[in-house]
């Protein structure tokens, strides 16, 4: 008895998903769904404006704004460099126009 089977390796038997050219036509919000830089700056500055005297360490800001630490640090440091926030001697971020050390 002759059995004729066509042998294909496992990988070759997998179906290939159809190509979807429209898949990348929309821009992503950012890394892992983070908002755009402009939105983050508006969120951070708006929060400081709404809460006079707000003073946050990096880990507190990260949780409050729902950001990854690296993203939060970059944005906050840029805002300090631009003079919109300041970083105190105890490493807390404050509004540039707030009182205190």
PDB file of N, CA and C in Angstrom:
ATOM      1  N   UNK A   1       0.834  -1.159   0.000  1.00  0.00           N
ATOM      2  CA  UNK A   1       0.000   0.000   0.000  1.00  0.00           C
ATOM      3  C   UNK A   1       0.889   1.236   0.000  1.00  0.00           C
ATOM      4  N   UNK A   2       0.580   2.095  -0.891  1.00  0.00           N
ATOM      5  CA  UNK A   2       1.359   3.322  -1.042  1.00  0.00           C
ATOM      6  C   UNK A   2       0.537   4.490  -0.539  1.00  0.00           C
ATOM      7  N   UNK A   3       1.095   5.172   0.461  1.00  0.00           N
ATOM      8  CA  UNK A   3       0.427   6.339   1.015  1.00  0.00           C
ATOM      9  C   UNK A   3       1.193   7.559   0.547  1.00  0.00           C
ATOM     10  N   UNK A   4       0.502   8.403  -0.098  1.00  0.00           N
ATOM     11  CA  UNK A   4       1.139   9.610  -0.611  1.00  0.00           C
ATOM     12  C   UNK A   4       0.737  10.792   0.272  1.00  0.00           C
ATOM     13  N   UNK A   5       1.677  11.235   1.047  1.00  0.00           N
ATOM     14  CA  UNK A   5       1.425  12.405   1.869  1.00  0.00           C
ATOM     15  C   UNK A   5       2.452  13.466   1.511  1.00  0.00           C
ATOM     16  N   UNK A   6       1.977  14.641   1.482  1.00  0.00           N
ATOM     17  CA  UNK A   6       2.866  15.753   1.203  1.00  0.00           C
ATOM     18  C   UNK A   6       3.353  16.278   2.543  1.00  0.00           C
ATOM     19  N   UNK A   7       4.645  16.249   2.761  1.00  0.00           N
ATOM     20  CA  UNK A   7       5.209  16.685   4.027  1.00  0.00           C
ATOM     21  C   UNK A   7       5.593  18.150   3.966  1.00  0.00           C
ATOM     22  N   UNK A   8       5.119  18.912   4.930  1.00  0.00           N
ATOM     23  CA  UNK A   8       5.514  20.312   5.070  1.00  0.00           C
ATOM     24  C   UNK A   8       5.957  20.523   6.508  1.00  0.00           C
ATOM     25  N   UNK A   9       7.052  21.223   6.694  1.00  0.00           N
ATOM     26  CA  UNK A   9       7.459  21.527   8.068  1.00  0.00           C
ATOM     27  C   UNK A   9       6.365  22.331   8.776  1.00  0.00           C
ATOM     28  N   UNK A  10       6.354  22.249  10.116  1.00  0.00           N
ATOM     29  CA  UNK A  10       5.332  22.949  10.891  1.00  0.00           C
ATOM     30  C   UNK A  10       5.236  24.427  10.545  1.00  0.00           C
ATOM     31  N   UNK A  11       6.376  25.061  10.402  1.00  0.00           N
ATOM     32  CA  UNK A  11       6.377  26.485  10.114  1.00  0.00           C
ATOM     33  C   UNK A  11       5.722  26.796   8.781  1.00  0.00           C
ATOM     34  N   UNK A  12       5.903  25.951   7.825  1.00  0.00           N
ATOM     35  CA  UNK A  12       5.346  26.197   6.500  1.00  0.00           C
ATOM     36  C   UNK A  12       3.832  26.044   6.496  1.00  0.00           C
ATOM     37  N   UNK A  13       3.278  25.274   7.436  1.00  0.00           N
ATOM     38  CA  UNK A  13       1.838  25.051   7.463  1.00  0.00           C
ATOM     39  C   UNK A  13       1.062  26.205   8.098  1.00  0.00           C
ATOM     40  N   UNK A  14       1.731  27.078   8.777  1.00  0.00           N
ATOM     41  CA  UNK A  14       1.037  28.206   9.393  1.00  0.00           C
ATOM     42  C   UNK A  14       0.446  29.115   8.328  1.00  0.00           C
ATOM     43  N   UNK A  15      -0.717  29.587   8.612  1.00  0.00           N
ATOM     44  CA  UNK A  15      -1.301  30.523   7.657  1.00  0.00           C
ATOM     45  C   UNK A  15      -0.683  31.900   7.889  1.00  0.00           C
ATOM     46  N   UNK A  16      -0.498  32.584   6.843  1.00  0.00           N
ATOM     47  CA  UNK A  16       0.097  33.906   6.909  1.00  0.00           C
ATOM     48  C   UNK A  16      -1.022  34.934   6.926  1.00  0.00           C
ATOM     49  N   UNK A  17      -0.961  35.824   7.891  1.00  0.00           N
ATOM     50  CA  UNK A  17      -1.992  36.857   8.010  1.00  0.00           C
ATOM     51  C   UNK A  17      -1.924  37.780   6.802  1.00  0.00           C
ATOM     52  N   UNK A  18      -3.056  38.228   6.322  1.00  0.00           N
ATOM     53  CA  UNK A  18      -3.048  39.139   5.174  1.00  0.00           C
ATOM     54  C   UNK A  18      -2.371  40.453   5.534  1.00  0.00           C
ATOM     55  N   UNK A  19      -1.745  41.044   4.574  1.00  0.00           N
ATOM     56  CA  UNK A  19      -1.060  42.319   4.769  1.00  0.00           C
ATOM     57  C   UNK A  19      -2.098  43.428   4.846  1.00  0.00           C
ATOM     58  N   UNK A  20      -1.977  44.252   5.866  1.00  0.00           N
ATOM     59  CA  UNK A  20      -2.901  45.369   6.053  1.00  0.00           C
ATOM     60  C   UNK A  20      -2.129  46.674   5.922  1.00  0.00           C
ATOM     61  N   UNK A  21      -2.089  47.257   4.732  1.00  0.00           N
ATOM     62  CA  UNK A  21      -1.300  48.468   4.539  1.00  0.00           C
ATOM     63  C   UNK A  21      -1.798  49.658   5.364  1.00  0.00           C
ATOM     64  N   UNK A  22      -3.081  49.680   5.728  1.00  0.00           N
ATOM     65  CA  UNK A  22      -3.613  50.813   6.479  1.00  0.00           C
ATOM     66  C   UNK A  22      -3.233  50.758   7.955  1.00  0.00           C
ATOM     67  N   UNK A  23      -2.617  49.707   8.374  1.00  0.00           N
ATOM     68  CA  UNK A  23      -2.323  49.479   9.778  1.00  0.00           C
ATOM     69  C   UNK A  23      -1.498  50.592  10.417  1.00  0.00           C
ATOM     70  N   UNK A  24      -0.547  51.160   9.726  1.00  0.00           N
ATOM     71  CA  UNK A  24       0.340  52.169  10.301  1.00  0.00           C
ATOM     72  C   UNK A  24      -0.006  53.597   9.860  1.00  0.00           C
ATOM     73  N   UNK A  25      -1.177  53.815   9.341  1.00  0.00           N
ATOM     74  CA  UNK A  25      -1.519  55.146   8.869  1.00  0.00           C
ATOM     75  C   UNK A  25      -1.880  56.091  10.006  1.00  0.00           C
ATOM     76  N   UNK A  26      -2.247  55.551  11.150  1.00  0.00           N
ATOM     77  CA  UNK A  26      -2.548  56.414  12.277  1.00  0.00           C
ATOM     78  C   UNK A  26      -1.316  56.522  13.160  1.00  0.00           C
ATOM     79  N   UNK A  27      -1.114  57.705  13.714  1.00  0.00           N
ATOM     80  CA  UNK A  27       0.042  57.889  14.581  1.00  0.00           C
ATOM     81  C   UNK A  27      -0.287  57.402  15.976  1.00  0.00           C
ATOM     82  N   UNK A  28       0.700  56.873  16.622  1.00  0.00           N
ATOM     83  CA  UNK A  28       0.516  56.389  17.979  1.00  0.00           C
ATOM     84  C   UNK A  28       0.594  57.555  18.945  1.00  0.00           C
ATOM     85  N   UNK A  29      -0.048  57.398  20.088  1.00  0.00           N
ATOM     86  CA  UNK A  29      -0.038  58.455  21.100  1.00  0.00           C
ATOM     87  C   UNK A  29       1.336  58.602  21.719  1.00  0.00           C
ATOM     88  N   UNK A  30       2.113  57.586  21.736  1.00  0.00           N
ATOM     89  CA  UNK A  30       3.436  57.618  22.341  1.00  0.00           C
ATOM     90  C   UNK A  30       3.804  56.234  22.808  1.00  0.00           C
ATOM     91  N   UNK A  31       4.868  56.159  23.528  1.00  0.00           N
ATOM     92  CA  UNK A  31       5.313  54.876  24.030  1.00  0.00           C
ATOM     93  C   UNK A  31       4.264  54.328  24.978  1.00  0.00           C
ATOM     94  N   UNK A  32       3.849  53.104  24.757  1.00  0.00           N
ATOM     95  CA  UNK A  32       2.874  52.412  25.589  1.00  0.00           C
ATOM     96  C   UNK A  32       1.640  53.262  25.871  1.00  0.00           C
ATOM     97  N   UNK A  33       1.192  53.981  24.884  1.00  0.00           N
ATOM     98  CA  UNK A  33      -0.033  54.743  25.019  1.00  0.00           C
ATOM     99  C   UNK A  33       0.090  56.070  25.739  1.00  0.00           C
ATOM    100  N   UNK A  34       1.296  56.528  25.986  1.00  0.00           N
ATOM    101  CA  UNK A  34       1.460  57.823  26.627  1.00  0.00           C
ATOM    102  C   UNK A  34       1.010  58.926  25.675  1.00  0.00           C
ATOM    103  N   UNK A  35       0.540  59.993  26.263  1.00  0.00           N
ATOM    104  CA  UNK A  35       0.080  61.134  25.474  1.00  0.00           C
ATOM    105  C   UNK A  35       1.261  61.809  24.768  1.00  0.00           C
ATOM    106  N   UNK A  36       0.958  62.715  23.863  1.00  0.00           N
ATOM    107  CA  UNK A  36       2.017  63.442  23.164  1.00  0.00           C
ATOM    108  C   UNK A  36       2.728  64.376  24.138  1.00  0.00           C
ATOM    109  N   UNK A  37       3.896  64.812  23.764  1.00  0.00           N
ATOM    110  CA  UNK A  37       4.679  65.710  24.610  1.00  0.00           C
ATOM    111  C   UNK A  37       3.891  66.986  24.945  1.00  0.00           C
ATOM    112  N   UNK A  38       3.248  67.552  23.964  1.00  0.00           N
ATOM    113  CA  UNK A  38       2.467  68.771  24.181  1.00  0.00           C
ATOM    114  C   UNK A  38       1.350  68.530  25.198  1.00  0.00           C
ATOM    115  N   UNK A  39       0.683  67.392  25.103  1.00  0.00           N
ATOM    116  CA  UNK A  39      -0.377  67.064  26.054  1.00  0.00           C
ATOM    117  C   UNK A  39       0.185  66.872  27.456  1.00  0.00           C
ATOM    118  N   UNK A  40       1.351  66.241  27.551  1.00  0.00           N
ATOM    119  CA  UNK A  40       1.963  66.017  28.859  1.00  0.00           C
ATOM    120  C   UNK A  40       2.389  67.327  29.507  1.00  0.00           C
ATOM    121  N   UNK A  41       2.974  68.212  28.727  1.00  0.00           N
ATOM    122  CA  UNK A  41       3.375  69.525  29.253  1.00  0.00           C
ATOM    123  C   UNK A  41       2.143  70.280  29.740  1.00  0.00           C
ATOM    124  N   UNK A  42       1.069  70.255  28.956  1.00  0.00           N
ATOM    125  CA  UNK A  42      -0.169  70.936  29.354  1.00  0.00           C
ATOM    126  C   UNK A  42      -0.734  70.322  30.638  1.00  0.00           C
ATOM    127  N   UNK A  43      -0.704  69.004  30.741  1.00  0.00           N
ATOM    128  CA  UNK A  43      -1.197  68.320  31.938  1.00  0.00           C
ATOM    129  C   UNK A  43      -0.380  68.719  33.166  1.00  0.00           C
ATOM    130  N   UNK A  44       0.931  68.677  33.036  1.00  0.00           N
ATOM    131  CA  UNK A  44       1.808  68.976  34.173  1.00  0.00           C
ATOM    132  C   UNK A  44       1.680  70.442  34.593  1.00  0.00           C
ATOM    133  N   UNK A  45       1.786  71.353  33.642  1.00  0.00           N
ATOM    134  CA  UNK A  45       1.684  72.769  33.987  1.00  0.00           C
ATOM    135  C   UNK A  45       0.292  73.121  34.500  1.00  0.00           C
ATOM    136  N   UNK A  46      -0.730  72.521  33.935  1.00  0.00           N
ATOM    137  CA  UNK A  46      -2.097  72.748  34.400  1.00  0.00           C
ATOM    138  C   UNK A  46      -2.291  72.270  35.831  1.00  0.00           C
ATOM    139  N   UNK A  47      -1.681  71.135  36.156  1.00  0.00           N
ATOM    140  CA  UNK A  47      -1.778  70.604  37.512  1.00  0.00           C
ATOM    141  C   UNK A  47      -1.100  71.544  38.506  1.00  0.00           C
ATOM    142  N   UNK A  48       0.082  72.036  38.147  1.00  0.00           N
ATOM    143  CA  UNK A  48       0.769  72.985  39.028  1.00  0.00           C
ATOM    144  C   UNK A  48      -0.026  74.287  39.163  1.00  0.00           C
ATOM    145  N   UNK A  49      -0.671  74.726  38.094  1.00  0.00           N
ATOM    146  CA  UNK A  49      -1.466  75.955  38.147  1.00  0.00           C
ATOM    147  C   UNK A  49      -2.704  75.776  39.031  1.00  0.00           C
ATOM    148  N   UNK A  50      -3.318  74.599  38.992  1.00  0.00           N
ATOM    149  CA  UNK A  50      -4.522  74.331  39.772  1.00  0.00           C
ATOM    150  C   UNK A  50      -4.226  74.106  41.249  1.00  0.00           C
ATOM    151  N   UNK A  51      -2.988  73.725  41.569  1.00  0.00           N
ATOM    152  CA  UNK A  51      -2.627  73.409  42.954  1.00  0.00           C
ATOM    153  C   UNK A  51      -1.438  74.256  43.386  1.00  0.00           C
ATOM    154  N   UNK A  52      -1.672  75.505  43.722  1.00  0.00           N
ATOM    155  CA  UNK A  52      -0.557  76.363  44.163  1.00  0.00           C
ATOM    156  C   UNK A  52       0.181  75.711  45.337  1.00  0.00           C
ATOM    157  N   UNK A  53       1.484  75.784  45.294  1.00  0.00           N
ATOM    158  CA  UNK A  53       2.296  75.196  46.355  1.00  0.00           C
ATOM    159  C   UNK A  53       2.608  73.724  46.155  1.00  0.00           C
ATOM    160  N   UNK A  54       2.125  73.128  45.059  1.00  0.00           N
ATOM    161  CA  UNK A  54       2.392  71.716  44.798  1.00  0.00           C
ATOM    162  C   UNK A  54       3.892  71.494  44.688  1.00  0.00           C
ATOM    163  N   UNK A  55       4.367  70.473  45.379  1.00  0.00           N
ATOM    164  CA  UNK A  55       5.784  70.145  45.391  1.00  0.00           C
ATOM    165  C   UNK A  55       5.909  68.635  45.331  1.00  0.00           C
ATOM    166  N   UNK A  56       6.533  68.126  44.276  1.00  0.00           N
ATOM    167  CA  UNK A  56       6.570  66.680  44.041  1.00  0.00           C
ATOM    168  C   UNK A  56       7.986  66.169  43.815  1.00  0.00           C
ATOM    169  N   UNK A  57       8.275  65.026  44.441  1.00  0.00           N
ATOM    170  CA  UNK A  57       9.478  64.285  44.082  1.00  0.00           C
ATOM    171  C   UNK A  57       9.169  63.546  42.779  1.00  0.00           C
ATOM    172  N   UNK A  58      10.191  63.091  42.097  1.00  0.00           N
ATOM    173  CA  UNK A  58      10.003  62.415  40.809  1.00  0.00           C
ATOM    174  C   UNK A  58       9.043  61.234  40.920  1.00  0.00           C
ATOM    175  N   UNK A  59       9.208  60.395  41.942  1.00  0.00           N
ATOM    176  CA  UNK A  59       8.333  59.219  42.046  1.00  0.00           C
ATOM    177  C   UNK A  59       6.878  59.620  42.276  1.00  0.00           C
ATOM    178  N   UNK A  60       6.645  60.721  42.984  1.00  0.00           N
ATOM    179  CA  UNK A  60       5.277  61.202  43.191  1.00  0.00           C
ATOM    180  C   UNK A  60       4.693  61.746  41.890  1.00  0.00           C
ATOM    181  N   UNK A  61       5.501  62.492  41.147  1.00  0.00           N
ATOM    182  CA  UNK A  61       5.047  63.037  39.862  1.00  0.00           C
ATOM    183  C   UNK A  61       4.742  61.912  38.880  1.00  0.00           C
ATOM    184  N   UNK A  62       5.576  60.892  38.889  1.00  0.00           N
ATOM    185  CA  UNK A  62       5.365  59.743  37.998  1.00  0.00           C
ATOM    186  C   UNK A  62       4.010  59.106  38.250  1.00  0.00           C
ATOM    187  N   UNK A  63       3.672  58.910  39.518  1.00  0.00           N
ATOM    188  CA  UNK A  63       2.371  58.315  39.853  1.00  0.00           C
ATOM    189  C   UNK A  63       1.222  59.269  39.560  1.00  0.00           C
ATOM    190  N   UNK A  64       1.385  60.535  39.934  1.00  0.00           N
ATOM    191  CA  UNK A  64       0.311  61.510  39.731  1.00  0.00           C
ATOM    192  C   UNK A  64      -0.044  61.662  38.254  1.00  0.00           C
ATOM    193  N   UNK A  65       0.958  61.736  37.405  1.00  0.00           N
ATOM    194  CA  UNK A  65       0.721  61.959  35.979  1.00  0.00           C
ATOM    195  C   UNK A  65       0.579  60.666  35.186  1.00  0.00           C
ATOM    196  N   UNK A  66       0.796  59.517  35.827  1.00  0.00           N
ATOM    197  CA  UNK A  66       0.627  58.224  35.166  1.00  0.00           C
ATOM    198  C   UNK A  66       1.648  57.972  34.072  1.00  0.00           C
ATOM    199  N   UNK A  67       2.898  58.354  34.337  1.00  0.00           N
ATOM    200  CA  UNK A  67       3.947  58.236  33.326  1.00  0.00           C
ATOM    201  C   UNK A  67       5.028  57.265  33.752  1.00  0.00           C
ATOM    202  N   UNK A  68       5.777  56.807  32.764  1.00  0.00           N
ATOM    203  CA  UNK A  68       6.983  56.042  33.070  1.00  0.00           C
ATOM    204  C   UNK A  68       7.990  57.018  33.667  1.00  0.00           C
ATOM    205  N   UNK A  69       8.857  56.533  34.539  1.00  0.00           N
ATOM    206  CA  UNK A  69       9.809  57.417  35.217  1.00  0.00           C
ATOM    207  C   UNK A  69      10.685  58.187  34.239  1.00  0.00           C
ATOM    208  N   UNK A  70      11.185  57.512  33.222  1.00  0.00           N
ATOM    209  CA  UNK A  70      12.083  58.185  32.273  1.00  0.00           C
ATOM    210  C   UNK A  70      11.360  59.308  31.532  1.00  0.00           C
ATOM    211  N   UNK A  71      10.131  59.082  31.152  1.00  0.00           N
ATOM    212  CA  UNK A  71       9.344  60.109  30.452  1.00  0.00           C
ATOM    213  C   UNK A  71       9.106  61.301  31.372  1.00  0.00           C
ATOM    214  N   UNK A  72       8.701  61.017  32.595  1.00  0.00           N
ATOM    215  CA  UNK A  72       8.411  62.075  33.545  1.00  0.00           C
ATOM    216  C   UNK A  72       9.662  62.900  33.835  1.00  0.00           C
ATOM    217  N   UNK A  73      10.789  62.240  34.028  1.00  0.00           N
ATOM    218  CA  UNK A  73      12.033  62.953  34.324  1.00  0.00           C
ATOM    219  C   UNK A  73      12.421  63.881  33.171  1.00  0.00           C
ATOM    220  N   UNK A  74      12.329  63.398  31.963  1.00  0.00           N
ATOM    221  CA  UNK A  74      12.697  64.213  30.797  1.00  0.00           C
ATOM    222  C   UNK A  74      11.807  65.449  30.698  1.00  0.00           C
ATOM    223  N   UNK A  75      10.505  65.264  30.826  1.00  0.00           N
ATOM    224  CA  UNK A  75       9.570  66.390  30.712  1.00  0.00           C
ATOM    225  C   UNK A  75       9.808  67.395  31.842  1.00  0.00           C
ATOM    226  N   UNK A  76       9.907  66.906  33.084  1.00  0.00           N
ATOM    227  CA  UNK A  76      10.113  67.809  34.212  1.00  0.00           C
ATOM    228  C   UNK A  76      11.436  68.558  34.095  1.00  0.00           C
ATOM    229  N   UNK A  77      12.497  67.851  33.720  1.00  0.00           N
ATOM    230  CA  UNK A  77      13.803  68.510  33.574  1.00  0.00           C
ATOM    231  C   UNK A  77      13.779  69.549  32.453  1.00  0.00           C
ATOM    232  N   UNK A  78      13.070  69.263  31.383  1.00  0.00           N
ATOM    233  CA  UNK A  78      12.937  70.246  30.297  1.00  0.00           C
ATOM    234  C   UNK A  78      12.168  71.478  30.770  1.00  0.00           C
ATOM    235  N   UNK A  79      11.136  71.269  31.573  1.00  0.00           N
ATOM    236  CA  UNK A  79      10.364  72.394  32.100  1.00  0.00           C
ATOM    237  C   UNK A  79      11.198  73.222  33.077  1.00  0.00           C
ATOM    238  N   UNK A  80      12.077  72.574  33.821  1.00  0.00           N
ATOM    239  CA  UNK A  80      13.001  73.301  34.698  1.00  0.00           C
ATOM    240  C   UNK A  80      13.959  74.126  33.852  1.00  0.00           C
ATOM    241  N   UNK A  81      14.518  73.507  32.826  1.00  0.00           N
ATOM    242  CA  UNK A  81      15.462  74.200  31.939  1.00  0.00           C
ATOM    243  C   UNK A  81      14.797  75.393  31.246  1.00  0.00           C
ATOM    244  N   UNK A  82      13.509  75.251  30.921  1.00  0.00           N
ATOM    245  CA  UNK A  82      12.773  76.344  30.266  1.00  0.00           C
ATOM    246  C   UNK A  82      12.300  77.410  31.254  1.00  0.00           C
ATOM    247  N   UNK A  83      12.505  77.177  32.548  1.00  0.00           N
ATOM    248  CA  UNK A  83      12.113  78.148  33.552  1.00  0.00           C
ATOM    249  C   UNK A  83      10.650  78.092  33.947  1.00  0.00           C
ATOM    250  N   UNK A  84       9.942  77.057  33.551  1.00  0.00           N
ATOM    251  CA  UNK A  84       8.521  76.950  33.877  1.00  0.00           C
ATOM    252  C   UNK A  84       8.288  76.218  35.190  1.00  0.00           C
ATOM    253  N   UNK A  85       9.241  75.377  35.573  1.00  0.00           N
ATOM    254  CA  UNK A  85       9.271  74.734  36.886  1.00  0.00           C
ATOM    255  C   UNK A  85      10.654  74.972  37.465  1.00  0.00           C
ATOM    256  N   UNK A  86      10.794  74.678  38.755  1.00  0.00           N
ATOM    257  CA  UNK A  86      12.122  74.712  39.347  1.00  0.00           C
ATOM    258  C   UNK A  86      12.268  73.468  40.211  1.00  0.00           C
ATOM    259  N   UNK A  87      13.513  73.079  40.425  1.00  0.00           N
ATOM    260  CA  UNK A  87      13.788  71.926  41.259  1.00  0.00           C
ATOM    261  C   UNK A  87      14.520  72.428  42.498  1.00  0.00           C
ATOM    262  N   UNK A  88      13.953  72.133  43.646  1.00  0.00           N
ATOM    263  CA  UNK A  88      14.513  72.622  44.901  1.00  0.00           C
ATOM    264  C   UNK A  88      15.707  71.781  45.334  1.00  0.00           C
ATOM    265  N   UNK A  89      16.372  72.225  46.388  1.00  0.00           N
ATOM    266  CA  UNK A  89      17.549  71.524  46.904  1.00  0.00           C
ATOM    267  C   UNK A  89      17.216  70.101  47.346  1.00  0.00           C
ATOM    268  N   UNK A  90      15.967  69.869  47.741  1.00  0.00           N
ATOM    269  CA  UNK A  90      15.567  68.506  48.150  1.00  0.00           C
ATOM    270  C   UNK A  90      14.980  67.704  46.984  1.00  0.00           C
ATOM    271  N   UNK A  91      15.273  68.154  45.754  1.00  0.00           N
ATOM    272  CA  UNK A  91      14.884  67.462  44.505  1.00  0.00           C
ATOM    273  C   UNK A  91      13.386  67.415  44.257  1.00  0.00           C
ATOM    274  N   UNK A  92      12.639  68.327  44.812  1.00  0.00           N
ATOM    275  CA  UNK A  92      11.214  68.389  44.522  1.00  0.00           C
ATOM    276  C   UNK A  92      10.981  69.398  43.409  1.00  0.00           C
ATOM    277  N   UNK A  93      10.019  69.074  42.565  1.00  0.00           N
ATOM    278  CA  UNK A  93       9.654  69.952  41.451  1.00  0.00           C
ATOM    279  C   UNK A  93       8.515  70.855  41.914  1.00  0.00           C
ATOM    280  N   UNK A  94       8.706  72.158  41.671  1.00  0.00           N
ATOM    281  CA  UNK A  94       7.713  73.164  42.063  1.00  0.00           C
ATOM    282  C   UNK A  94       7.489  74.115  40.895  1.00  0.00           C
ATOM    283  N   UNK A  95       6.370  74.812  40.956  1.00  0.00           N
ATOM    284  CA  UNK A  95       6.126  75.853  39.940  1.00  0.00           C
ATOM    285  C   UNK A  95       7.206  76.919  40.085  1.00  0.00           C
ATOM    286  N   UNK A  96       7.615  77.486  38.979  1.00  0.00           N
ATOM    287  CA  UNK A  96       8.686  78.486  39.006  1.00  0.00           C
ATOM    288  C   UNK A  96       8.302  79.706  39.829  1.00  0.00           C
ATOM    289  N   UNK A  97       7.019  80.026  39.887  1.00  0.00           N
ATOM    290  CA  UNK A  97       6.577  81.234  40.605  1.00  0.00           C
ATOM    291  C   UNK A  97       6.152  80.952  42.038  1.00  0.00           C
ATOM    292  N   UNK A  98       6.346  79.696  42.517  1.00  0.00           N
ATOM    293  CA  UNK A  98       5.938  79.385  43.890  1.00  0.00           C
ATOM    294  C   UNK A  98       7.016  79.818  44.873  1.00  0.00           C
ATOM    295  N   UNK A  99       6.616  80.085  46.089  1.00  0.00           N
ATOM    296  CA  UNK A  99       7.559  80.496  47.121  1.00  0.00           C
ATOM    297  C   UNK A  99       8.284  79.292  47.697  1.00  0.00           C
ATOM    298  N   UNK A 100       9.190  79.525  48.603  1.00  0.00           N
ATOM    299  CA  UNK A 100       9.913  78.435  49.267  1.00  0.00           C
ATOM    300  C   UNK A 100      11.237  78.170  48.605  1.00  0.00           C
ATOM    301  N   UNK A 101      12.043  77.344  49.253  1.00  0.00           N
ATOM    302  CA  UNK A 101      13.400  77.054  48.766  1.00  0.00           C
ATOM    303  C   UNK A 101      13.436  76.044  47.680  1.00  0.00           C
TER     304      UNK A 101
END
